[in-house]
Amino acid sequence: MSTTALETLPRSLPCPPPATTALTREHADGRPNQSVRCGLRVLRVLHDLGPYEDHQVAAIAEAAKLRTPHVSRLLAAAVAERVAERGARHGSYRLTHAARELLNVRTTGPASIQIRQVLEQLHAETRLAVTYHQPGWRLGAGLHLDLVDAVCPPDAELHQAIARQHQDLRHSAAGRAALTFLPAGMNTDANGQLIELPHPVREMVHSSRVAASRTATSHALATCILRAGTAVAILTVLGPSAAFSDPLHVQEYAVLLRRAAQQSSTPAPTTTPRPFPAGTKAVPVAA
């Protein structure tokens, strides 16, 4: 082949630069990805609107200043990653228990030292998870149970069971106990609709002072801490279904639960010395 022929061959062209996308450009200049920012914004909004409550997609989108379809896709991704879950109402979402722990969500407590000691003692006696809720009612949210404190072993399924206590109150032990012993005016949902228990369930809870609920993986018993016949708090023990397979164990849990509720309703003894009435003298007591 002649030298001239070699010179007429086309020279290799340089490779074109790779196509750049919004994602690669943002990584290249150090800016965060827009989708990540929007996803984190949605989680922050769920926290700010109320970490234990259900929120409609439209309300979340409005607070986050994002389009509703975009927020729906972000929430679907959050559900897949188990940082959000669907609420009791259609089209509503809330943070999961794991997400609240990640965001370091503070509860309505903390519980008093007396209540904390009761929870720890009940946990030691039953080896079950123990929760302490306080009922509340707010316009637009209806009746809700605020988790004040919990003593729970490091079990993911039990943490999920605790989170499910905030769903339909008719299907959780804590909710059934609250619906039985709360004033009728509080038994409404976010839409103002009355939340009613079937009459046989209500009568059974009222007579035994213990409500029960069961799922495929867990079982729970709950009782109310009463003052003047009205619930001021709800105490719950819950654990794997196997722990409730023996009826004698269930009866024992119920007895311990009611005793713990009684201890919680009794004011702690004061350590402040009371003054003696006028005209009396203190009498020394032998050790």
Foldseek 3Di string as FASTA:
>chain_A
DDPVVVVPDDDDDDDDDDDDDPCNVCVVVVHDDPLVVLLVLLQVLLVVVPQLAKDALVVSCVVSVHDSVSSVVSVVVCVVVQQKDHAQDPRIIHGALVNCVVVVPAFPDQDDPLLVVLQVVLCVVQVFKKWKWFWDQDALAAIFTTTRDIDHDPDPVVSRVVSCCGHQLQAAFQSLQQCLQAPQCRQAGSVRHGRDHPPVQSVVCVVLQWGWHDDPFKIKIKGFQDDPSHGGMMMMTMDGPVSPPDVVSVVVSSVSRVVSSVSVNDDDDDPDDDDDPPPDDDDDDDD
